[in-house]
PDB file of all heavy atoms in Angstrom:
ATOM      1  N   ALA A   1      -0.072   6.957  -8.163  1.00  0.00           N
ATOM      2  CA  ALA A   1       0.307   5.944  -9.099  1.00  0.00           C
ATOM      3  C   ALA A   1      -0.237   4.545  -8.626  1.00  0.00           C
ATOM      4  O   ALA A   1      -0.653   3.724  -9.472  1.00  0.00           O
ATOM      5  CB  ALA A   1       1.871   5.808  -9.123  1.00  0.00           C
ATOM      6  N   ILE A   2      -0.261   4.333  -7.346  1.00  0.00           N
ATOM      7  CA  ILE A   2      -0.805   3.067  -6.799  1.00  0.00           C
ATOM      8  C   ILE A   2      -2.281   3.005  -7.108  1.00  0.00           C
ATOM      9  O   ILE A   2      -2.832   1.979  -7.504  1.00  0.00           O
ATOM     10  CB  ILE A   2      -0.501   2.908  -5.279  1.00  0.00           C
ATOM     11  CG1 ILE A   2       0.953   2.761  -5.030  1.00  0.00           C
ATOM     12  CG2 ILE A   2      -1.285   1.709  -4.749  1.00  0.00           C
ATOM     13  CD1 ILE A   2       1.357   2.783  -3.643  1.00  0.00           C
ATOM     14  N   ILE A   3      -2.995   4.099  -6.988  1.00  0.00           N
ATOM     15  CA  ILE A   3      -4.451   4.156  -7.233  1.00  0.00           C
ATOM     16  C   ILE A   3      -4.725   3.949  -8.763  1.00  0.00           C
ATOM     17  O   ILE A   3      -5.505   3.110  -9.175  1.00  0.00           O
ATOM     18  CB  ILE A   3      -5.076   5.408  -6.723  1.00  0.00           C
ATOM     19  CG1 ILE A   3      -4.963   5.496  -5.191  1.00  0.00           C
ATOM     20  CG2 ILE A   3      -6.519   5.561  -7.151  1.00  0.00           C
ATOM     21  CD1 ILE A   3      -5.333   6.895  -4.591  1.00  0.00           C
ATOM     22  N   ALA A   4      -3.999   4.767  -9.521  1.00  0.00           N
ATOM     23  CA  ALA A   4      -4.289   4.741 -10.985  1.00  0.00           C
ATOM     24  C   ALA A   4      -3.741   3.449 -11.609  1.00  0.00           C
ATOM     25  O   ALA A   4      -4.293   2.991 -12.654  1.00  0.00           O
ATOM     26  CB  ALA A   4      -3.628   5.921 -11.688  1.00  0.00           C
ATOM     27  N   GLY A   5      -2.737   2.820 -11.005  1.00  0.00           N
ATOM     28  CA  GLY A   5      -2.132   1.588 -11.574  1.00  0.00           C
ATOM     29  C   GLY A   5      -2.692   0.325 -11.047  1.00  0.00           C
ATOM     30  O   GLY A   5      -1.988  -0.722 -11.192  1.00  0.00           O
ATOM     31  N   ASN A   6      -3.924   0.350 -10.570  1.00  0.00           N
ATOM     32  CA  ASN A   6      -4.568  -0.915 -10.132  1.00  0.00           C
ATOM     33  C   ASN A   6      -6.034  -0.827 -10.382  1.00  0.00           C
ATOM     34  O   ASN A   6      -6.635   0.277 -10.381  1.00  0.00           O
ATOM     35  CB  ASN A   6      -4.358  -1.099  -8.622  1.00  0.00           C
ATOM     36  CG  ASN A   6      -2.961  -1.582  -8.306  1.00  0.00           C
ATOM     37  OD1 ASN A   6      -2.656  -2.788  -8.512  1.00  0.00           O
ATOM     38  ND2 ASN A   6      -2.031  -0.746  -7.845  1.00  0.00           N
ATOM     39  N   PRO A   7      -6.678  -2.022 -10.575  1.00  0.00           N
ATOM     40  CA  PRO A   7      -8.142  -2.036 -10.723  1.00  0.00           C
ATOM     41  C   PRO A   7      -8.763  -1.601  -9.404  1.00  0.00           C
ATOM     42  O   PRO A   7      -8.164  -1.633  -8.339  1.00  0.00           O
ATOM     43  CB  PRO A   7      -8.426  -3.468 -11.022  1.00  0.00           C
ATOM     44  CG  PRO A   7      -7.312  -4.252 -10.468  1.00  0.00           C
ATOM     45  CD  PRO A   7      -6.111  -3.360 -10.665  1.00  0.00           C
ATOM     46  N   ARG A   8      -9.978  -1.019  -9.471  1.00  0.00           N
ATOM     47  CA  ARG A   8     -10.645  -0.459  -8.336  1.00  0.00           C
ATOM     48  C   ARG A   8     -10.643  -1.364  -7.097  1.00  0.00           C
ATOM     49  O   ARG A   8     -10.425  -0.911  -5.974  1.00  0.00           O
ATOM     50  CB  ARG A   8     -12.040  -0.048  -8.770  1.00  0.00           C
ATOM     51  CG  ARG A   8     -12.764   0.728  -7.652  1.00  0.00           C
ATOM     52  CD  ARG A   8     -14.136   1.176  -8.168  1.00  0.00           C
ATOM     53  NE  ARG A   8     -14.796   1.975  -7.146  1.00  0.00           N
ATOM     54  CZ  ARG A   8     -15.989   2.577  -7.311  1.00  0.00           C
ATOM     55  NH1 ARG A   8     -16.562   2.507  -8.506  1.00  0.00           N
ATOM     56  NH2 ARG A   8     -16.564   3.234  -6.356  1.00  0.00           N
ATOM     57  N   GLU A   9     -10.918  -2.630  -7.368  1.00  0.00           N
ATOM     58  CA  GLU A   9     -11.065  -3.515  -6.181  1.00  0.00           C
ATOM     59  C   GLU A   9      -9.767  -3.858  -5.506  1.00  0.00           C
ATOM     60  O   GLU A   9      -9.759  -4.349  -4.385  1.00  0.00           O
ATOM     61  CB  GLU A   9     -11.782  -4.886  -6.616  1.00  0.00           C
ATOM     62  CG  GLU A   9     -10.906  -5.716  -7.634  1.00  0.00           C
ATOM     63  CD  GLU A   9     -11.033  -5.284  -9.062  1.00  0.00           C
ATOM     64  OE1 GLU A   9     -11.686  -4.230  -9.348  1.00  0.00           O
ATOM     65  OE2 GLU A   9     -10.619  -6.044  -9.931  1.00  0.00           O
ATOM     66  N   LYS A  10      -8.644  -3.473  -6.073  1.00  0.00           N
ATOM     67  CA  LYS A  10      -7.339  -3.744  -5.459  1.00  0.00           C
ATOM     68  C   LYS A  10      -6.606  -2.510  -4.912  1.00  0.00           C
ATOM     69  O   LYS A  10      -5.518  -2.641  -4.372  1.00  0.00           O
ATOM     70  CB  LYS A  10      -6.467  -4.494  -6.483  1.00  0.00           C
ATOM     71  CG  LYS A  10      -6.884  -5.891  -6.836  1.00  0.00           C
ATOM     72  CD  LYS A  10      -5.841  -6.640  -7.621  1.00  0.00           C
ATOM     73  CE  LYS A  10      -6.296  -8.054  -7.870  1.00  0.00           C
ATOM     74  NZ  LYS A  10      -5.241  -8.842  -8.661  1.00  0.00           N
ATOM     75  N   ARG A  11      -7.145  -1.392  -5.156  1.00  0.00           N
ATOM     76  CA  ARG A  11      -6.434  -0.135  -4.831  1.00  0.00           C
ATOM     77  C   ARG A  11      -6.127   0.010  -3.360  1.00  0.00           C
ATOM     78  O   ARG A  11      -4.988   0.295  -2.961  1.00  0.00           O
ATOM     79  CB  ARG A  11      -7.174   1.076  -5.371  1.00  0.00           C
ATOM     80  CG  ARG A  11      -7.206   1.170  -6.891  1.00  0.00           C
ATOM     81  CD  ARG A  11      -8.103   2.240  -7.343  1.00  0.00           C
ATOM     82  NE  ARG A  11      -8.259   2.182  -8.826  1.00  0.00           N
ATOM     83  CZ  ARG A  11      -9.201   2.834  -9.496  1.00  0.00           C
ATOM     84  NH1 ARG A  11     -10.118   3.554  -8.833  1.00  0.00           N
ATOM     85  NH2 ARG A  11      -9.217   2.726 -10.788  1.00  0.00           N
ATOM     86  N   VAL A  12      -7.140  -0.116  -2.497  1.00  0.00           N
ATOM     87  CA  VAL A  12      -6.936   0.011  -1.048  1.00  0.00           C
ATOM     88  C   VAL A  12      -5.960  -1.091  -0.591  1.00  0.00           C
ATOM     89  O   VAL A  12      -5.081  -0.796   0.252  1.00  0.00           O
ATOM     90  CB  VAL A  12      -8.269  -0.013  -0.339  1.00  0.00           C
ATOM     91  CG1 VAL A  12      -8.069  -0.057   1.155  1.00  0.00           C
ATOM     92  CG2 VAL A  12      -9.153   1.206  -0.700  1.00  0.00           C
ATOM     93  N   GLU A  13      -6.152  -2.288  -1.100  1.00  0.00           N
ATOM     94  CA  GLU A  13      -5.271  -3.388  -0.690  1.00  0.00           C
ATOM     95  C   GLU A  13      -3.764  -3.019  -1.027  1.00  0.00           C
ATOM     96  O   GLU A  13      -2.892  -3.267  -0.192  1.00  0.00           O
ATOM     97  CB  GLU A  13      -5.687  -4.610  -1.442  1.00  0.00           C
ATOM     98  CG  GLU A  13      -4.674  -5.825  -1.319  1.00  0.00           C
ATOM     99  CD  GLU A  13      -5.026  -6.916  -2.330  1.00  0.00           C
ATOM    100  OE1 GLU A  13      -6.169  -7.020  -2.719  1.00  0.00           O
ATOM    101  OE2 GLU A  13      -4.054  -7.609  -2.715  1.00  0.00           O
ATOM    102  N   LYS A  14      -3.525  -2.453  -2.189  1.00  0.00           N
ATOM    103  CA  LYS A  14      -2.172  -2.133  -2.525  1.00  0.00           C
ATOM    104  C   LYS A  14      -1.578  -0.933  -1.715  1.00  0.00           C
ATOM    105  O   LYS A  14      -0.441  -0.841  -1.437  1.00  0.00           O
ATOM    106  CB  LYS A  14      -2.060  -1.797  -4.073  1.00  0.00           C
ATOM    107  CG  LYS A  14      -2.392  -2.980  -4.984  1.00  0.00           C
ATOM    108  CD  LYS A  14      -1.338  -4.084  -4.774  1.00  0.00           C
ATOM    109  CE  LYS A  14      -1.585  -5.292  -5.713  1.00  0.00           C
ATOM    110  NZ  LYS A  14      -0.555  -6.338  -5.559  1.00  0.00           N
ATOM    111  N   LEU A  15      -2.576   0.053  -1.440  1.00  0.00           N
ATOM    112  CA  LEU A  15      -2.132   1.146  -0.624  1.00  0.00           C
ATOM    113  C   LEU A  15      -1.722   0.623   0.790  1.00  0.00           C
ATOM    114  O   LEU A  15      -0.713   1.060   1.346  1.00  0.00           O
ATOM    115  CB  LEU A  15      -3.230   2.170  -0.478  1.00  0.00           C
ATOM    116  CG  LEU A  15      -3.516   3.049  -1.684  1.00  0.00           C
ATOM    117  CD1 LEU A  15      -4.840   3.824  -1.594  1.00  0.00           C
ATOM    118  CD2 LEU A  15      -2.332   4.065  -1.921  1.00  0.00           C
ATOM    119  N   LYS A  16      -2.518  -0.258   1.299  1.00  0.00           N
ATOM    120  CA  LYS A  16      -2.192  -0.858   2.627  1.00  0.00           C
ATOM    121  C   LYS A  16      -0.822  -1.602   2.578  1.00  0.00           C
ATOM    122  O   LYS A  16      -0.051  -1.558   3.503  1.00  0.00           O
ATOM    123  CB  LYS A  16      -3.282  -1.799   3.102  1.00  0.00           C
ATOM    124  CG  LYS A  16      -4.577  -1.045   3.527  1.00  0.00           C
ATOM    125  CD  LYS A  16      -5.625  -2.061   4.050  1.00  0.00           C
ATOM    126  CE  LYS A  16      -6.869  -1.311   4.529  1.00  0.00           C
ATOM    127  NZ  LYS A  16      -7.861  -2.227   5.046  1.00  0.00           N
ATOM    128  N   GLU A  17      -0.662  -2.304   1.459  1.00  0.00           N
ATOM    129  CA  GLU A  17       0.611  -3.039   1.359  1.00  0.00           C
ATOM    130  C   GLU A  17       1.840  -2.138   1.346  1.00  0.00           C
ATOM    131  O   GLU A  17       2.828  -2.337   2.027  1.00  0.00           O
ATOM    132  CB  GLU A  17       0.551  -3.884   0.032  1.00  0.00           C
ATOM    133  CG  GLU A  17       1.793  -4.814  -0.125  1.00  0.00           C
ATOM    134  CD  GLU A  17       1.723  -5.675  -1.332  1.00  0.00           C
ATOM    135  OE1 GLU A  17       0.614  -5.806  -1.897  1.00  0.00           O
ATOM    136  OE2 GLU A  17       2.753  -6.200  -1.753  1.00  0.00           O
ATOM    137  N   PHE A  18       1.725  -1.044   0.656  1.00  0.00           N
ATOM    138  CA  PHE A  18       2.793  -0.050   0.588  1.00  0.00           C
ATOM    139  C   PHE A  18       3.029   0.585   1.988  1.00  0.00           C
ATOM    140  O   PHE A  18       4.156   0.574   2.464  1.00  0.00           O
ATOM    141  CB  PHE A  18       2.449   1.082  -0.437  1.00  0.00           C
ATOM    142  CG  PHE A  18       3.486   2.248  -0.359  1.00  0.00           C
ATOM    143  CD1 PHE A  18       4.731   2.036  -0.942  1.00  0.00           C
ATOM    144  CD2 PHE A  18       3.212   3.401   0.255  1.00  0.00           C
ATOM    145  CE1 PHE A  18       5.639   3.063  -0.965  1.00  0.00           C
ATOM    146  CE2 PHE A  18       4.113   4.449   0.261  1.00  0.00           C
ATOM    147  CZ  PHE A  18       5.409   4.207  -0.337  1.00  0.00           C
ATOM    148  N   TRP A  19       1.945   1.046   2.630  1.00  0.00           N
ATOM    149  CA  TRP A  19       2.122   1.750   3.877  1.00  0.00           C
ATOM    150  C   TRP A  19       2.504   0.861   5.001  1.00  0.00           C
ATOM    151  O   TRP A  19       3.262   1.202   5.888  1.00  0.00           O
ATOM    152  CB  TRP A  19       0.886   2.610   4.221  1.00  0.00           C
ATOM    153  CG  TRP A  19       0.922   3.811   3.342  1.00  0.00           C
ATOM    154  CD1 TRP A  19       0.189   4.064   2.226  1.00  0.00           C
ATOM    155  CD2 TRP A  19       1.717   4.925   3.545  1.00  0.00           C
ATOM    156  NE1 TRP A  19       0.441   5.253   1.684  1.00  0.00           N
ATOM    157  CE2 TRP A  19       1.437   5.833   2.449  1.00  0.00           C
ATOM    158  CE3 TRP A  19       2.715   5.318   4.434  1.00  0.00           C
ATOM    159  CZ2 TRP A  19       2.025   7.064   2.323  1.00  0.00           C
ATOM    160  CZ3 TRP A  19       3.331   6.544   4.309  1.00  0.00           C
ATOM    161  CH2 TRP A  19       3.002   7.433   3.297  1.00  0.00           C
ATOM    162  N   ASN A  20       2.034  -0.392   4.982  1.00  0.00           N
ATOM    163  CA  ASN A  20       2.467  -1.381   5.975  1.00  0.00           C
ATOM    164  C   ASN A  20       3.985  -1.723   5.802  1.00  0.00           C
ATOM    165  O   ASN A  20       4.720  -1.953   6.763  1.00  0.00           O
ATOM    166  CB  ASN A  20       1.699  -2.721   5.902  1.00  0.00           C
ATOM    167  CG  ASN A  20       0.338  -2.537   6.561  1.00  0.00           C
ATOM    168  OD1 ASN A  20       0.196  -1.824   7.484  1.00  0.00           O
ATOM    169  ND2 ASN A  20      -0.641  -3.243   6.028  1.00  0.00           N
ATOM    170  N   MET A  21       4.391  -1.721   4.523  1.00  0.00           N
ATOM    171  CA  MET A  21       5.779  -2.094   4.207  1.00  0.00           C
ATOM    172  C   MET A  21       6.798  -0.938   4.723  1.00  0.00           C
ATOM    173  O   MET A  21       7.758  -1.198   5.342  1.00  0.00           O
ATOM    174  CB  MET A  21       6.065  -2.241   2.733  1.00  0.00           C
ATOM    175  CG  MET A  21       7.473  -2.555   2.344  1.00  0.00           C
ATOM    176  SD  MET A  21       7.668  -2.662   0.562  1.00  0.00           S
ATOM    177  CE  MET A  21       7.144  -0.972   0.063  1.00  0.00           C
ATOM    178  N   VAL A  22       6.400   0.275   4.378  1.00  0.00           N
ATOM    179  CA  VAL A  22       7.343   1.360   4.724  1.00  0.00           C
ATOM    180  C   VAL A  22       7.359   1.637   6.228  1.00  0.00           C
ATOM    181  O   VAL A  22       8.244   2.333   6.701  1.00  0.00           O
ATOM    182  CB  VAL A  22       7.007   2.697   3.969  1.00  0.00           C
ATOM    183  CG1 VAL A  22       7.131   2.471   2.446  1.00  0.00           C
ATOM    184  CG2 VAL A  22       5.605   3.211   4.265  1.00  0.00           C
ATOM    185  N   SER A  23       6.395   1.149   6.939  1.00  0.00           N
ATOM    186  CA  SER A  23       6.370   1.316   8.357  1.00  0.00           C
ATOM    187  C   SER A  23       6.734  -0.001   9.078  1.00  0.00           C
ATOM    188  O   SER A  23       6.704  -0.008  10.331  1.00  0.00           O
ATOM    189  CB  SER A  23       5.010   1.815   8.858  1.00  0.00           C
ATOM    190  OG  SER A  23       4.011   0.902   8.649  1.00  0.00           O
ATOM    191  N   SER A  24       7.095  -1.008   8.393  1.00  0.00           N
ATOM    192  CA  SER A  24       7.312  -2.289   8.969  1.00  0.00           C
ATOM    193  C   SER A  24       8.547  -2.454   9.817  1.00  0.00           C
ATOM    194  O   SER A  24       8.637  -3.203  10.751  1.00  0.00           O
ATOM    195  CB  SER A  24       7.216  -3.424   7.885  1.00  0.00           C
ATOM    196  OG  SER A  24       8.421  -3.247   7.046  1.00  0.00           O
ATOM    197  N   ALA A  25       9.611  -1.690   9.422  1.00  0.00           N
ATOM    198  CA  ALA A  25      10.887  -1.884  10.080  1.00  0.00           C
ATOM    199  C   ALA A  25      11.191  -0.754  11.062  1.00  0.00           C
ATOM    200  O   ALA A  25      12.316  -0.596  11.515  1.00  0.00           O
ATOM    201  CB  ALA A  25      12.029  -1.949   9.073  1.00  0.00           C
ATOM    202  N   SER A  26      10.193   0.025  11.380  1.00  0.00           N
ATOM    203  CA  SER A  26      10.391   1.078  12.405  1.00  0.00           C
ATOM    204  C   SER A  26      10.844   0.421  13.729  1.00  0.00           C
ATOM    205  O   SER A  26      10.226  -0.505  14.183  1.00  0.00           O
ATOM    206  CB  SER A  26       9.033   1.848  12.682  1.00  0.00           C
ATOM    207  OG  SER A  26       9.152   2.613  13.821  1.00  0.00           O
ATOM    208  N   PRO A  27      12.026   0.860  14.187  1.00  0.00           N
ATOM    209  CA  PRO A  27      12.491   0.218  15.459  1.00  0.00           C
ATOM    210  C   PRO A  27      11.640   0.411  16.611  1.00  0.00           C
ATOM    211  O   PRO A  27      11.869  -0.114  17.650  1.00  0.00           O
ATOM    212  CB  PRO A  27      13.857   0.917  15.584  1.00  0.00           C
ATOM    213  CG  PRO A  27      14.159   1.483  14.260  1.00  0.00           C
ATOM    214  CD  PRO A  27      12.886   1.837  13.643  1.00  0.00           C
ATOM    215  N   MET A  28      10.599   1.287  16.480  1.00  0.00           N
ATOM    216  CA  MET A  28       9.702   1.544  17.613  1.00  0.00           C
ATOM    217  C   MET A  28       8.273   1.439  17.216  1.00  0.00           C
ATOM    218  O   MET A  28       7.565   2.382  17.000  1.00  0.00           O
ATOM    219  CB  MET A  28      10.016   2.953  18.163  1.00  0.00           C
ATOM    220  CG  MET A  28      11.409   3.168  18.649  1.00  0.00           C
ATOM    221  SD  MET A  28      11.664   4.808  19.366  1.00  0.00           S
ATOM    222  CE  MET A  28      10.672   4.664  20.858  1.00  0.00           C
TER     223      MET A  28
END
């Protein structure tokens, strides 16, 4: 959904934003 729901030039940026967010509060 992140890939299909963004223009080509923003897809990797949005994927990074998602994965950085879900791993941001890891206590370790």
